[in-house]
Amino acid sequence: MCLILLAYKAHPKYKLIVAANRDEAYGRATAPADFWEDEPGLLAGRDLEKMGTWMGVTRSGRFAALTNYRNPSEITAGKRTRGELVADFLKGIDHPHTYLKKKSETRAEYPGYNLLAGNLDELFYYSNVGDTLKKVEPGIHGVSNHLLNTNWPKVEHGKEGLARVIAEDQKTMVDQLFFHMENVDPAPDHLLPSTGVSLEWERLLSPMFIKSEGYGTRSSTVILMNDKEIFFKERVYAGEKRADKEFLISL
């Protein structure tokens, strides 16, 4: 997952609105979102290589999502898979802050990551880069492959669009969020971050929706949560084809 946008306690009907894109190598085996056979209360897509996930919810109202922290010089060999961080929170019963505090004690065992974990009452953010754990305040937030609310162009553009969409017609909100997440406009060179990859790759990775020969946006997800229900819709991309799947969980 390389871009997560959040409206947290910023909408009259939904306490949490999420619009997110998962970017990954096209060849990496992935199962689309569904309730897991080995964890029937957990709804998420699944990385079939490591058996973790990048984002999901549960029938009890838990939510978690993850992005990688971009650092091409980082040594990742021998480290644990980041996808287990989301899955373990969703499978468990720990308070979000307690869970993230525990994970901070083993932060060196994983490559760099950003992790959001919470429920309708509280939402927390932790990054093992800089060992940052904090409560997410009500408002519009975004995280890509740097720290929460870093002013990368895709994050800033994403947050502005999210705020605009949720303030407009509620009947078309889901469609408009998906449309927003499919924005392929690259950032101008003078606004590109410097993350240790080539200028060509900074340009390629700068849009909200990424396309390249072997790597890009594999899926988009919209989640709407309130005290009564969770609406979850995933759109999987395969070339020019799309496959939509949606779920409604009563709380």
C-alpha atoms as a PDB file:
ATOM      1  CA  MET A   1       0.000   0.000   0.000  1.00  0.00           C
ATOM      2  CA  CYS A   2       1.583   3.218  -1.095  1.00  0.00           C
ATOM      3  CA  LEU A   3      -1.039   5.896  -0.499  1.00  0.00           C
ATOM      4  CA  ILE A   4      -3.573   6.013   2.320  1.00  0.00           C
ATOM      5  CA  LEU A   5      -5.937   8.965   2.705  1.00  0.00           C
ATOM      6  CA  LEU A   6      -8.068   9.313   5.833  1.00  0.00           C
ATOM      7  CA  ALA A   7     -10.945  11.488   6.933  1.00  0.00           C
ATOM      8  CA  TYR A   8     -11.076  10.761  10.646  1.00  0.00           C
ATOM      9  CA  LYS A   9     -14.048  12.154  12.597  1.00  0.00           C
ATOM     10  CA  ALA A  10     -14.354  14.772   9.854  1.00  0.00           C
ATOM     11  CA  HIS A  11     -17.688  13.738   8.292  1.00  0.00           C
ATOM     12  CA  PRO A  12     -21.226  13.952   9.725  1.00  0.00           C
ATOM     13  CA  LYS A  13     -22.119  10.343   8.919  1.00  0.00           C
ATOM     14  CA  TYR A  14     -18.858   8.379   8.892  1.00  0.00           C
ATOM     15  CA  LYS A  15     -16.281   8.449  11.686  1.00  0.00           C
ATOM     16  CA  LEU A  16     -13.640   7.005   9.382  1.00  0.00           C
ATOM     17  CA  ILE A  17     -13.362   7.326   5.613  1.00  0.00           C
ATOM     18  CA  VAL A  18     -10.418   5.663   3.889  1.00  0.00           C
ATOM     19  CA  ALA A  19      -9.340   5.886   0.261  1.00  0.00           C
ATOM     20  CA  ALA A  20      -6.163   3.969  -0.530  1.00  0.00           C
ATOM     21  CA  ASN A  21      -4.021   2.607  -3.346  1.00  0.00           C
ATOM     22  CA  ARG A  22      -1.832  -0.465  -3.123  1.00  0.00           C
ATOM     23  CA  ASP A  23       1.251  -0.349  -5.342  1.00  0.00           C
ATOM     24  CA  GLU A  24       3.150  -3.572  -5.951  1.00  0.00           C
ATOM     25  CA  ALA A  25       4.975  -5.598  -8.590  1.00  0.00           C
ATOM     26  CA  TYR A  26       2.421  -6.882 -11.066  1.00  0.00           C
ATOM     27  CA  GLY A  27       3.746 -10.407 -10.775  1.00  0.00           C
ATOM     28  CA  ARG A  28       3.341 -10.744  -7.001  1.00  0.00           C
ATOM     29  CA  ALA A  29       0.561 -13.218  -6.236  1.00  0.00           C
ATOM     30  CA  THR A  30      -2.345 -11.585  -4.433  1.00  0.00           C
ATOM     31  CA  ALA A  31      -5.827 -12.639  -3.358  1.00  0.00           C
ATOM     32  CA  PRO A  32      -8.582 -10.025  -3.680  1.00  0.00           C
ATOM     33  CA  ALA A  33     -10.405  -8.775  -0.602  1.00  0.00           C
ATOM     34  CA  ASP A  34     -12.587 -11.311   1.160  1.00  0.00           C
ATOM     35  CA  PHE A  35     -13.156 -12.834   4.576  1.00  0.00           C
ATOM     36  CA  TRP A  36     -10.218 -15.119   5.308  1.00  0.00           C
ATOM     37  CA  GLU A  37     -10.926 -18.822   5.630  1.00  0.00           C
ATOM     38  CA  ASP A  38      -8.526 -19.105   8.574  1.00  0.00           C
ATOM     39  CA  GLU A  39      -9.868 -15.881  10.198  1.00  0.00           C
ATOM     40  CA  PRO A  40     -13.570 -15.581   9.289  1.00  0.00           C
ATOM     41  CA  GLY A  41     -13.969 -12.258  11.071  1.00  0.00           C
ATOM     42  CA  LEU A  42     -11.173 -10.574   9.101  1.00  0.00           C
ATOM     43  CA  LEU A  43     -11.847  -8.852   5.768  1.00  0.00           C
ATOM     44  CA  ALA A  44      -8.802  -7.973   3.661  1.00  0.00           C
ATOM     45  CA  GLY A  45      -6.871  -8.705   0.528  1.00  0.00           C
ATOM     46  CA  ARG A  46      -3.937 -11.067   0.987  1.00  0.00           C
ATOM     47  CA  ASP A  47      -0.357 -11.215  -0.195  1.00  0.00           C
ATOM     48  CA  LEU A  48      -0.003 -14.859  -1.164  1.00  0.00           C
ATOM     49  CA  GLU A  49       3.783 -14.743  -1.020  1.00  0.00           C
ATOM     50  CA  LYS A  50       4.053 -13.883   2.695  1.00  0.00           C
ATOM     51  CA  MET A  51       0.368 -14.400   3.681  1.00  0.00           C
ATOM     52  CA  GLY A  52       0.015 -10.981   5.283  1.00  0.00           C
ATOM     53  CA  THR A  53      -2.018  -7.963   4.204  1.00  0.00           C
ATOM     54  CA  TRP A  54      -1.670  -4.232   3.650  1.00  0.00           C
ATOM     55  CA  MET A  55      -5.092  -3.166   4.936  1.00  0.00           C
ATOM     56  CA  GLY A  56      -8.202  -4.673   6.443  1.00  0.00           C
ATOM     57  CA  VAL A  57     -11.132  -4.499   8.855  1.00  0.00           C
ATOM     58  CA  THR A  58     -12.929  -6.915  11.159  1.00  0.00           C
ATOM     59  CA  ARG A  59     -16.531  -7.677  12.035  1.00  0.00           C
ATOM     60  CA  SER A  60     -15.873  -6.095  15.435  1.00  0.00           C
ATOM     61  CA  GLY A  61     -14.835  -2.751  13.902  1.00  0.00           C
ATOM     62  CA  ARG A  62     -11.055  -2.939  13.990  1.00  0.00           C
ATOM     63  CA  PHE A  63      -9.076  -1.262  11.197  1.00  0.00           C
ATOM     64  CA  ALA A  64      -5.418  -1.340  10.216  1.00  0.00           C
ATOM     65  CA  ALA A  65      -3.366  -0.273   7.204  1.00  0.00           C
ATOM     66  CA  LEU A  66       0.287  -0.154   6.261  1.00  0.00           C
ATOM     67  CA  THR A  67       2.700   1.521   3.862  1.00  0.00           C
ATOM     68  CA  ASN A  68       6.370   0.853   3.311  1.00  0.00           C
ATOM     69  CA  TYR A  69       8.908   3.560   4.093  1.00  0.00           C
ATOM     70  CA  ARG A  70      10.963   4.169   0.950  1.00  0.00           C
ATOM     71  CA  ASN A  71      14.669   3.735   1.605  1.00  0.00           C
ATOM     72  CA  PRO A  72      16.475   1.910  -1.209  1.00  0.00           C
ATOM     73  CA  SER A  73      19.673   1.653   0.824  1.00  0.00           C
ATOM     74  CA  GLU A  74      17.973  -0.247   3.660  1.00  0.00           C
ATOM     75  CA  ILE A  75      19.086  -3.838   4.178  1.00  0.00           C
ATOM     76  CA  THR A  76      15.928  -5.955   4.353  1.00  0.00           C
ATOM     77  CA  ALA A  77      17.364  -9.464   4.038  1.00  0.00           C
ATOM     78  CA  GLY A  78      16.432 -11.606   7.012  1.00  0.00           C
ATOM     79  CA  LYS A  79      13.792  -9.219   8.331  1.00  0.00           C
ATOM     80  CA  ARG A  80      10.168 -10.110   9.035  1.00  0.00           C
ATOM     81  CA  THR A  81       7.363  -9.351   6.620  1.00  0.00           C
ATOM     82  CA  ARG A  82       5.534  -6.076   7.247  1.00  0.00           C
ATOM     83  CA  GLY A  83       2.226  -7.589   6.183  1.00  0.00           C
ATOM     84  CA  GLU A  84       1.992  -9.522   9.443  1.00  0.00           C
ATOM     85  CA  LEU A  85       1.718  -6.235  11.357  1.00  0.00           C
ATOM     86  CA  VAL A  86      -1.728  -5.481   9.947  1.00  0.00           C
ATOM     87  CA  ALA A  87      -2.903  -9.092  10.112  1.00  0.00           C
ATOM     88  CA  ASP A  88      -1.804  -9.585  13.721  1.00  0.00           C
ATOM     89  CA  PHE A  89      -3.611  -6.470  14.908  1.00  0.00           C
ATOM     90  CA  LEU A  90      -6.810  -7.486  13.146  1.00  0.00           C
ATOM     91  CA  LYS A  91      -6.624 -10.999  14.550  1.00  0.00           C
ATOM     92  CA  GLY A  92      -5.993  -9.790  18.093  1.00  0.00           C
ATOM     93  CA  ILE A  93      -7.808  -7.990  20.885  1.00  0.00           C
ATOM     94  CA  ASP A  94      -5.126  -5.586  22.135  1.00  0.00           C
ATOM     95  CA  HIS A  95      -6.014  -1.919  22.421  1.00  0.00           C
ATOM     96  CA  PRO A  96      -4.483  -0.152  19.381  1.00  0.00           C
ATOM     97  CA  HIS A  97      -2.023   1.858  21.475  1.00  0.00           C
ATOM     98  CA  THR A  98      -0.970  -1.242  23.407  1.00  0.00           C
ATOM     99  CA  TYR A  99      -0.439  -3.176  20.184  1.00  0.00           C
ATOM    100  CA  LEU A 100       1.667  -0.465  18.568  1.00  0.00           C
ATOM    101  CA  LYS A 101       3.692   0.012  21.737  1.00  0.00           C
ATOM    102  CA  LYS A 102       4.523  -3.700  21.710  1.00  0.00           C
ATOM    103  CA  LYS A 103       5.557  -3.481  18.064  1.00  0.00           C
ATOM    104  CA  SER A 104       7.826  -0.556  18.831  1.00  0.00           C
ATOM    105  CA  GLU A 105       9.860  -2.919  21.000  1.00  0.00           C
ATOM    106  CA  THR A 106      10.599  -5.115  17.962  1.00  0.00           C
ATOM    107  CA  ARG A 107      10.864  -2.289  15.414  1.00  0.00           C
ATOM    108  CA  ALA A 108      14.317  -3.330  14.195  1.00  0.00           C
ATOM    109  CA  GLU A 109      12.985  -6.712  13.081  1.00  0.00           C
ATOM    110  CA  TYR A 110      11.051  -5.144  10.173  1.00  0.00           C
ATOM    111  CA  PRO A 111      11.948  -2.987   7.192  1.00  0.00           C
ATOM    112  CA  GLY A 112      10.746   0.611   7.459  1.00  0.00           C
ATOM    113  CA  TYR A 113       6.995   1.022   7.715  1.00  0.00           C
ATOM    114  CA  ASN A 114       4.046   3.246   8.611  1.00  0.00           C
ATOM    115  CA  LEU A 115       1.206   1.533  10.472  1.00  0.00           C
ATOM    116  CA  LEU A 116      -2.274   2.804  11.281  1.00  0.00           C
ATOM    117  CA  ALA A 117      -4.349   0.823  13.768  1.00  0.00           C
ATOM    118  CA  GLY A 118      -7.571   1.585  15.568  1.00  0.00           C
ATOM    119  CA  ASN A 119     -11.320   1.429  15.756  1.00  0.00           C
ATOM    120  CA  LEU A 120     -14.205   3.886  15.659  1.00  0.00           C
ATOM    121  CA  ASP A 121     -13.221   5.365  19.009  1.00  0.00           C
ATOM    122  CA  GLU A 122      -9.467   5.796  18.620  1.00  0.00           C
ATOM    123  CA  LEU A 123      -6.905   5.675  15.828  1.00  0.00           C
ATOM    124  CA  PHE A 124      -3.128   5.539  16.252  1.00  0.00           C
ATOM    125  CA  TYR A 125      -0.108   5.829  13.983  1.00  0.00           C
ATOM    126  CA  TYR A 126       3.320   4.277  14.412  1.00  0.00           C
ATOM    127  CA  SER A 127       6.441   4.305  12.260  1.00  0.00           C
ATOM    128  CA  ASN A 128       9.522   2.289  13.113  1.00  0.00           C
ATOM    129  CA  VAL A 129      11.525   4.950  11.258  1.00  0.00           C
ATOM    130  CA  GLY A 130      12.184   7.455  14.017  1.00  0.00           C
ATOM    131  CA  ASP A 131      10.132   5.332  16.459  1.00  0.00           C
ATOM    132  CA  THR A 132       7.082   7.616  16.241  1.00  0.00           C
ATOM    133  CA  LEU A 133       3.822   6.600  17.974  1.00  0.00           C
ATOM    134  CA  LYS A 134       0.965   9.077  18.209  1.00  0.00           C
ATOM    135  CA  LYS A 135      -2.781   9.386  18.365  1.00  0.00           C
ATOM    136  CA  VAL A 136      -4.383  10.511  15.120  1.00  0.00           C
ATOM    137  CA  GLU A 137      -6.400  13.675  15.652  1.00  0.00           C
ATOM    138  CA  PRO A 138      -9.701  14.380  13.873  1.00  0.00           C
ATOM    139  CA  GLY A 139      -9.156  15.755  10.376  1.00  0.00           C
ATOM    140  CA  ILE A 140      -7.815  14.873   6.939  1.00  0.00           C
ATOM    141  CA  HIS A 141      -4.599  12.842   6.863  1.00  0.00           C
ATOM    142  CA  GLY A 142      -2.420  11.112   4.303  1.00  0.00           C
ATOM    143  CA  VAL A 143       0.587   8.821   4.242  1.00  0.00           C
ATOM    144  CA  SER A 144       2.615   7.443   1.367  1.00  0.00           C
ATOM    145  CA  ASN A 145       6.143   6.076   1.632  1.00  0.00           C
ATOM    146  CA  HIS A 146       7.380   8.651   4.130  1.00  0.00           C
ATOM    147  CA  LEU A 147       5.965   9.707   7.498  1.00  0.00           C
ATOM    148  CA  LEU A 148       2.334  10.632   8.155  1.00  0.00           C
ATOM    149  CA  ASN A 149       1.320  13.916   6.488  1.00  0.00           C
ATOM    150  CA  THR A 150       4.688  14.457   4.827  1.00  0.00           C
ATOM    151  CA  ASN A 151       4.031  17.063   2.135  1.00  0.00           C
ATOM    152  CA  TRP A 152       4.757  14.921  -0.894  1.00  0.00           C
ATOM    153  CA  PRO A 153       2.747  16.080  -3.935  1.00  0.00           C
ATOM    154  CA  LYS A 154       0.623  12.910  -4.065  1.00  0.00           C
ATOM    155  CA  VAL A 155      -0.196  13.216  -0.369  1.00  0.00           C
ATOM    156  CA  GLU A 156      -1.098  16.899  -0.588  1.00  0.00           C
ATOM    157  CA  HIS A 157      -3.155  16.420  -3.745  1.00  0.00           C
ATOM    158  CA  GLY A 158      -4.776  13.350  -2.248  1.00  0.00           C
ATOM    159  CA  LYS A 159      -5.791  15.107   0.958  1.00  0.00           C
ATOM    160  CA  GLU A 160      -7.189  18.104  -0.912  1.00  0.00           C
ATOM    161  CA  GLY A 161      -9.268  15.838  -3.138  1.00  0.00           C
ATOM    162  CA  LEU A 162     -10.518  13.751  -0.217  1.00  0.00           C
ATOM    163  CA  ALA A 163     -11.661  16.871   1.626  1.00  0.00           C
ATOM    164  CA  ARG A 164     -13.436  18.121  -1.489  1.00  0.00           C
ATOM    165  CA  VAL A 165     -15.183  14.822  -2.248  1.00  0.00           C
ATOM    166  CA  ILE A 166     -16.549  14.205   1.250  1.00  0.00           C
ATOM    167  CA  ALA A 167     -17.981  17.729   1.320  1.00  0.00           C
ATOM    168  CA  GLU A 168     -19.982  17.121  -1.865  1.00  0.00           C
ATOM    169  CA  ASP A 169     -22.914  14.855  -2.793  1.00  0.00           C
ATOM    170  CA  GLN A 170     -22.913  11.869  -0.445  1.00  0.00           C
ATOM    171  CA  LYS A 171     -24.713   9.673  -2.998  1.00  0.00           C
ATOM    172  CA  THR A 172     -21.747   9.767  -5.386  1.00  0.00           C
ATOM    173  CA  MET A 173     -18.996   9.865  -2.766  1.00  0.00           C
ATOM    174  CA  VAL A 174     -17.701   6.329  -3.292  1.00  0.00           C
ATOM    175  CA  ASP A 175     -17.523   6.702  -7.073  1.00  0.00           C
ATOM    176  CA  GLN A 176     -15.830  10.066  -6.732  1.00  0.00           C
ATOM    177  CA  LEU A 177     -13.261   8.672  -4.315  1.00  0.00           C
ATOM    178  CA  PHE A 178     -12.340   5.897  -6.740  1.00  0.00           C
ATOM    179  CA  PHE A 179     -12.100   8.432  -9.560  1.00  0.00           C
ATOM    180  CA  HIS A 180      -9.841  10.580  -7.389  1.00  0.00           C
ATOM    181  CA  MET A 181      -7.541   7.651  -6.577  1.00  0.00           C
ATOM    182  CA  GLU A 182      -7.050   6.934 -10.293  1.00  0.00           C
ATOM    183  CA  ASN A 183      -5.280  10.247 -10.899  1.00  0.00           C
ATOM    184  CA  VAL A 184      -2.179   9.582 -13.003  1.00  0.00           C
ATOM    185  CA  ASP A 185      -0.789  13.138 -13.151  1.00  0.00           C
ATOM    186  CA  PRO A 186       2.926  13.198 -12.250  1.00  0.00           C
ATOM    187  CA  ALA A 187       4.337  15.874  -9.977  1.00  0.00           C
ATOM    188  CA  PRO A 188       6.536  18.595 -11.506  1.00  0.00           C
ATOM    189  CA  ASP A 189      10.237  17.981 -11.032  1.00  0.00           C
ATOM    190  CA  HIS A 190      10.731  20.864  -8.606  1.00  0.00           C
ATOM    191  CA  LEU A 191       8.249  19.273  -6.177  1.00  0.00           C
ATOM    192  CA  LEU A 192       9.607  15.737  -6.325  1.00  0.00           C
ATOM    193  CA  PRO A 193      10.979  14.280  -3.083  1.00  0.00           C
ATOM    194  CA  SER A 194      14.507  12.935  -2.922  1.00  0.00           C
ATOM    195  CA  THR A 195      14.291   9.413  -1.547  1.00  0.00           C
ATOM    196  CA  GLY A 196      17.430   7.810  -2.941  1.00  0.00           C
ATOM    197  CA  VAL A 197      15.991   6.516  -6.212  1.00  0.00           C
ATOM    198  CA  SER A 198      16.756   7.942  -9.657  1.00  0.00           C
ATOM    199  CA  LEU A 199      14.987  11.028 -10.996  1.00  0.00           C
ATOM    200  CA  GLU A 200      13.241   8.794 -13.523  1.00  0.00           C
ATOM    201  CA  TRP A 201      11.828   6.671 -10.703  1.00  0.00           C
ATOM    202  CA  GLU A 202      10.866   9.700  -8.599  1.00  0.00           C
ATOM    203  CA  ARG A 203       8.817  10.876 -11.582  1.00  0.00           C
ATOM    204  CA  LEU A 204       7.285   7.450 -12.143  1.00  0.00           C
ATOM    205  CA  LEU A 205       6.323   7.060  -8.473  1.00  0.00           C
ATOM    206  CA  SER A 206       4.975  10.594  -8.038  1.00  0.00           C
ATOM    207  CA  PRO A 207       1.349  10.144  -9.259  1.00  0.00           C
ATOM    208  CA  MET A 208      -1.381   8.912  -6.962  1.00  0.00           C
ATOM    209  CA  PHE A 209      -2.003   6.070  -9.433  1.00  0.00           C
ATOM    210  CA  ILE A 210       1.195   4.466 -10.765  1.00  0.00           C
ATOM    211  CA  LYS A 211       1.701   2.720 -14.080  1.00  0.00           C
ATOM    212  CA  SER A 212       4.937   1.195 -15.360  1.00  0.00           C
ATOM    213  CA  GLU A 213       6.110  -1.932 -17.131  1.00  0.00           C
ATOM    214  CA  GLY A 214       6.425  -4.163 -14.091  1.00  0.00           C
ATOM    215  CA  TYR A 215       5.152  -2.174 -11.113  1.00  0.00           C
ATOM    216  CA  GLY A 216       2.160  -0.030 -10.319  1.00  0.00           C
ATOM    217  CA  THR A 217      -1.161   0.403  -8.590  1.00  0.00           C
ATOM    218  CA  ARG A 218      -2.723  -3.035  -8.238  1.00  0.00           C
ATOM    219  CA  SER A 219      -5.883  -2.049  -6.351  1.00  0.00           C
ATOM    220  CA  SER A 220      -7.821   0.821  -4.801  1.00  0.00           C
ATOM    221  CA  THR A 221      -9.999   0.534  -1.708  1.00  0.00           C
ATOM    222  CA  VAL A 222     -12.672   2.734  -0.158  1.00  0.00           C
ATOM    223  CA  ILE A 223     -13.848   2.139   3.407  1.00  0.00           C
ATOM    224  CA  LEU A 224     -16.675   3.974   5.203  1.00  0.00           C
ATOM    225  CA  MET A 225     -17.147   3.273   8.910  1.00  0.00           C
ATOM    226  CA  ASN A 226     -19.677   4.431  11.484  1.00  0.00           C
ATOM    227  CA  ASP A 227     -21.227   2.976  14.626  1.00  0.00           C
ATOM    228  CA  LYS A 228     -23.698   0.870  12.651  1.00  0.00           C
ATOM    229  CA  GLU A 229     -21.779  -0.520   9.707  1.00  0.00           C
ATOM    230  CA  ILE A 230     -18.597  -0.819   7.673  1.00  0.00           C
ATOM    231  CA  PHE A 231     -18.768  -0.410   3.912  1.00  0.00           C
ATOM    232  CA  PHE A 232     -15.716  -1.897   2.160  1.00  0.00           C
ATOM    233  CA  LYS A 233     -15.148  -1.796  -1.594  1.00  0.00           C
ATOM    234  CA  GLU A 234     -12.044  -2.910  -3.447  1.00  0.00           C
ATOM    235  CA  ARG A 235     -11.249  -2.329  -7.114  1.00  0.00           C
ATOM    236  CA  VAL A 236      -8.554  -4.583  -8.566  1.00  0.00           C
ATOM    237  CA  TYR A 237      -6.755  -3.507 -11.740  1.00  0.00           C
ATOM    238  CA  ALA A 238      -5.350  -5.888 -14.340  1.00  0.00           C
ATOM    239  CA  GLY A 239      -4.195  -3.875 -17.302  1.00  0.00           C
ATOM    240  CA  GLU A 240      -7.261  -2.045 -18.599  1.00  0.00           C
ATOM    241  CA  LYS A 241      -9.601  -4.424 -16.763  1.00  0.00           C
ATOM    242  CA  ARG A 242     -11.228  -3.698 -13.412  1.00  0.00           C
ATOM    243  CA  ALA A 243     -12.891  -6.021 -10.938  1.00  0.00           C
ATOM    244  CA  ASP A 244     -14.991  -4.513  -8.141  1.00  0.00           C
ATOM    245  CA  LYS A 245     -16.053  -6.269  -4.967  1.00  0.00           C
ATOM    246  CA  GLU A 246     -17.923  -4.722  -2.072  1.00  0.00           C
ATOM    247  CA  PHE A 247     -18.962  -5.780   1.416  1.00  0.00           C
ATOM    248  CA  LEU A 248     -21.219  -4.412   4.118  1.00  0.00           C
ATOM    249  CA  ILE A 249     -20.600  -5.389   7.737  1.00  0.00           C
ATOM    250  CA  SER A 250     -23.222  -4.625  10.374  1.00  0.00           C
ATOM    251  CA  LEU A 251     -21.788  -3.699  13.759  1.00  0.00           C
END
